[in-house]
Protein backbone atom coordinates (compact mmCIF):
# COMPACT_ATOMS: atom_id res chain seq x y z
CA UNK A 1 -20.03 48.46 -70.22
CA UNK A 2 -18.55 48.83 -73.87
CA UNK A 3 -17.58 45.17 -74.01
CA UNK A 4 -21.09 44.08 -73.02
CA UNK A 5 -22.56 46.12 -75.58
CA UNK A 6 -20.14 44.69 -78.20
CA UNK A 7 -20.85 41.22 -77.04
CA UNK A 8 -24.58 41.73 -77.33
CA UNK A 9 -24.32 43.21 -80.63
CA UNK A 10 -22.05 40.33 -81.96
CA UNK A 11 -24.49 37.74 -80.35
CA UNK A 12 -27.33 39.31 -82.39
CA UNK A 13 -25.05 39.23 -85.50
CA UNK A 14 -23.98 35.70 -85.20
CA UNK A 15 -27.68 34.58 -84.27
CA UNK A 16 -28.84 36.36 -87.49
CA UNK A 17 -26.32 34.49 -89.59
CA UNK A 18 -27.16 31.32 -88.18
CA UNK A 19 -30.96 31.91 -88.75
CA UNK A 20 -30.12 32.78 -92.29
CA UNK A 21 -28.36 29.53 -92.77
CA UNK A 22 -31.08 27.42 -91.37
CA UNK A 23 -33.89 29.21 -93.27
CA UNK A 24 -35.62 30.38 -89.99
CA UNK A 25 -38.81 32.44 -89.95
CA UNK A 26 -38.51 35.95 -90.97
CA UNK A 27 -39.75 37.24 -87.64
CA UNK A 28 -36.59 35.90 -85.98
CA UNK A 29 -34.42 37.58 -88.52
CA UNK A 30 -35.97 40.91 -88.03
CA UNK A 31 -35.61 40.38 -84.30
CA UNK A 32 -31.75 39.98 -84.69
CA UNK A 33 -31.58 42.97 -87.06
CA UNK A 34 -33.58 45.06 -84.52
CA UNK A 35 -31.22 43.93 -81.63
CA UNK A 36 -28.16 44.88 -83.87
CA UNK A 37 -29.54 48.18 -84.81
CA UNK A 38 -30.66 49.07 -81.24
CA UNK A 39 -27.19 48.38 -79.87
CA UNK A 40 -25.56 51.00 -82.07
CA UNK A 41 -26.74 53.98 -80.39
CA UNK A 42 -26.31 52.30 -77.03
CA UNK A 43 -22.63 51.71 -77.91
CA UNK A 44 -22.10 55.25 -79.15
CA UNK A 45 -23.64 56.60 -75.92
CA UNK A 46 -21.51 54.47 -73.83
CA UNK A 47 -18.27 55.47 -75.76
CA UNK A 48 -19.07 59.14 -75.27
CA UNK A 49 -19.78 58.69 -71.59
CA UNK A 50 -16.50 56.96 -71.13
CA UNK A 51 -14.58 59.60 -72.92
CA UNK A 52 -16.35 62.37 -70.92
CA UNK A 53 -15.60 60.38 -67.68
CA UNK A 54 -11.88 60.31 -68.68
CA UNK A 55 -11.60 64.01 -69.35
CA UNK A 56 -13.40 64.84 -65.98
CA UNK A 57 -11.03 62.45 -64.16
CA UNK A 58 -8.06 64.05 -65.87
CA UNK A 59 -9.20 67.49 -64.68
CA UNK A 60 -9.67 66.38 -61.10
CA UNK A 61 -6.56 64.10 -60.89
CA UNK A 62 -3.51 65.56 -62.40
CA UNK A 63 -1.69 62.20 -62.32
CA UNK A 64 -4.35 60.66 -64.80
CA UNK A 65 -3.40 61.40 -68.41
CA UNK A 66 -5.83 61.37 -71.41
CA UNK A 67 -4.74 60.32 -74.87
CA UNK A 68 -6.88 61.40 -77.84
CA UNK A 69 -8.04 58.48 -79.85
CA UNK A 70 -9.73 60.32 -82.46
């Protein structure tokens, strides 16, 4: 799910830049900013969920290893 969140955030960022370049209405710019900012907590939540899932899998399947990425 992380790639989908990143793609969505990137789409909002690109749309915001394009709207800035074409001098679009301010409401559209605020919508792009809101979409980008709402994506950040969602991305953090998904990253934490994936990390916990890897740890649980490592505990139940000894052949699965976990590397700490920081």
